[in-house]
Amino acid sequence: MPYNERLADRLREYLSKIPNIEVEEKKMFRGLAFLVNDKMCVNVSGDNLMCRFDPELDDLMKEKLGYQSVKMAGRYMKGYAYINEDGYRSIDDFKFWVDLALDFNPRAKSSKKTKSKK
């Protein structure tokens, strides 16, 4: 399923207004990932947002409108959620999820591979 271009544009516009961050777009997770300062932060996957947030908040976030658990390789991933359109339709809800991911980004572990010395 292709990703929602309108949602990607909405995310691009929002992120472009945030000072002091470097944003890179990369196709992954069957969609388009937005890496912030070299770390996966938010994705557009089909019509969903996929957000990365503090895993300690997982139980609390499950109560939010539009939340769907992320399952990869047969297991649920704490600190990751798909948010369907009901959960991000309003600007306040959209900002909530994107800001939640941005707030966690400085503490998130980078999965960027480092080159080993030979």
Protein backbone atom coordinates (compact mmCIF):
# COMPACT_ATOMS: atom_id res chain seq x y z
CA MET A 1 0.00 0.00 0.00
CA PRO A 2 1.46 3.38 -0.95
CA TYR A 3 1.77 5.99 1.75
CA ASN A 4 -0.57 8.97 2.02
CA GLU A 5 1.15 11.84 0.19
CA ARG A 6 -1.11 14.47 1.78
CA LEU A 7 -0.18 13.23 5.25
CA ALA A 8 3.52 13.24 4.27
CA ASP A 9 3.18 16.85 3.05
CA ARG A 10 1.43 17.81 6.29
CA LEU A 11 4.29 16.28 8.26
CA ARG A 12 6.95 17.94 6.07
CA GLU A 13 5.33 21.33 6.56
CA TYR A 14 5.07 20.88 10.34
CA LEU A 15 8.66 19.66 10.74
CA SER A 16 10.04 22.45 8.54
CA LYS A 17 8.89 24.97 11.16
CA ILE A 18 10.78 23.31 14.05
CA PRO A 19 14.10 25.07 14.71
CA ASN A 20 17.39 23.26 15.26
CA ILE A 21 16.49 19.89 13.81
CA GLU A 22 17.81 18.11 10.78
CA VAL A 23 15.18 16.08 8.92
CA GLU A 24 15.90 13.33 6.40
CA GLU A 25 13.25 11.36 4.54
CA LYS A 26 13.81 7.68 3.87
CA LYS A 27 11.56 4.97 2.47
CA MET A 28 11.12 2.26 5.13
CA PHE A 29 8.41 0.33 7.00
CA ARG A 30 6.33 0.22 3.79
CA GLY A 31 6.13 3.99 3.89
CA LEU A 32 8.12 7.15 4.35
CA ALA A 33 10.20 7.68 7.49
CA PHE A 34 11.17 11.08 8.79
CA LEU A 35 14.51 10.81 10.56
CA VAL A 36 15.23 13.67 12.93
CA ASN A 37 18.88 14.22 13.76
CA ASP A 38 19.74 10.79 12.27
CA LYS A 39 17.08 8.89 14.28
CA MET A 40 13.75 7.48 13.12
CA CYS A 41 11.09 9.74 14.62
CA VAL A 42 7.82 9.58 12.70
CA ASN A 43 6.64 7.67 9.62
CA VAL A 44 3.79 7.79 7.19
CA SER A 45 2.64 4.22 6.59
CA GLY A 46 -0.41 3.96 4.36
CA ASP A 47 -2.88 6.38 5.93
CA ASN A 48 -1.33 6.04 9.39
CA LEU A 49 1.26 7.98 11.31
CA MET A 50 3.79 5.73 12.99
CA CYS A 51 5.28 7.48 16.00
CA ARG A 52 8.26 6.60 18.16
CA PHE A 53 7.93 7.73 21.77
CA ASP A 54 9.16 6.95 25.26
CA PRO A 55 8.35 3.27 25.92
CA GLU A 56 7.51 4.19 29.54
CA LEU A 57 4.42 5.99 28.17
CA ASP A 58 3.15 2.99 26.21
CA ASP A 59 0.28 2.03 28.54
CA LEU A 60 -0.90 5.64 28.75
CA MET A 61 -0.79 6.16 24.97
CA LYS A 62 -2.88 3.02 24.34
CA GLU A 63 -5.85 4.97 25.71
CA LYS A 64 -5.59 7.67 23.02
CA LEU A 65 -7.99 7.84 20.08
CA GLY A 66 -6.56 6.25 16.93
CA TYR A 67 -3.78 4.29 18.70
CA GLN A 68 -2.81 0.91 17.25
CA SER A 69 0.04 -1.25 18.52
CA VAL A 70 3.00 -1.90 16.24
CA LYS A 71 3.88 -5.56 15.79
CA MET A 72 7.16 -6.51 14.09
CA ALA A 73 8.67 -9.96 13.75
CA GLY A 74 5.83 -11.39 15.81
CA ARG A 75 6.20 -9.12 18.84
CA TYR A 76 4.68 -5.85 19.96
CA MET A 77 7.06 -2.91 20.00
CA LYS A 78 6.77 -0.71 23.09
CA GLY A 79 7.26 2.95 22.30
CA TYR A 80 5.94 2.67 18.75
CA ALA A 81 2.36 3.22 17.61
CA TYR A 82 0.38 3.50 14.44
CA ILE A 83 -2.09 6.36 14.68
CA ASN A 84 -5.07 6.13 12.35
CA GLU A 85 -6.78 9.17 10.89
CA ASP A 86 -9.24 9.45 13.79
CA GLY A 87 -6.26 10.07 16.06
CA TYR A 88 -4.57 12.81 14.02
CA ARG A 89 -7.40 14.48 12.10
CA SER A 90 -7.47 17.65 14.21
CA ILE A 91 -4.42 19.91 14.28
CA ASP A 92 -4.19 19.53 18.06
CA ASP A 93 -4.15 15.73 17.83
CA PHE A 94 -1.64 15.83 14.95
CA LYS A 95 0.64 18.13 16.96
CA PHE A 96 0.28 15.92 20.04
CA TRP A 97 1.62 12.83 18.29
CA VAL A 98 4.38 14.55 16.33
CA ASP A 99 5.51 16.54 19.38
CA LEU A 100 5.48 13.36 21.48
CA ALA A 101 7.87 11.75 18.99
CA LEU A 102 10.03 14.90 18.79
CA ASP A 103 10.25 15.10 22.59
CA PHE A 104 11.59 11.55 22.76
CA ASN A 105 13.97 11.91 19.82
CA PRO A 106 16.98 13.30 21.75
CA ARG A 107 16.88 10.26 24.08
CA ALA A 108 16.10 7.67 21.40
CA LYS A 109 18.84 5.28 20.43
CA SER A 110 20.16 5.64 16.92
CA SER A 111 20.15 2.55 14.78
CA LYS A 112 22.67 4.10 12.42
CA LYS A 113 25.46 1.67 11.66
CA THR A 114 28.98 2.82 12.31
CA LYS A 115 31.82 1.76 10.06
CA SER A 116 34.28 -0.54 11.73
CA LYS A 117 38.00 0.17 11.45
CA LYS A 118 40.04 -2.30 9.48
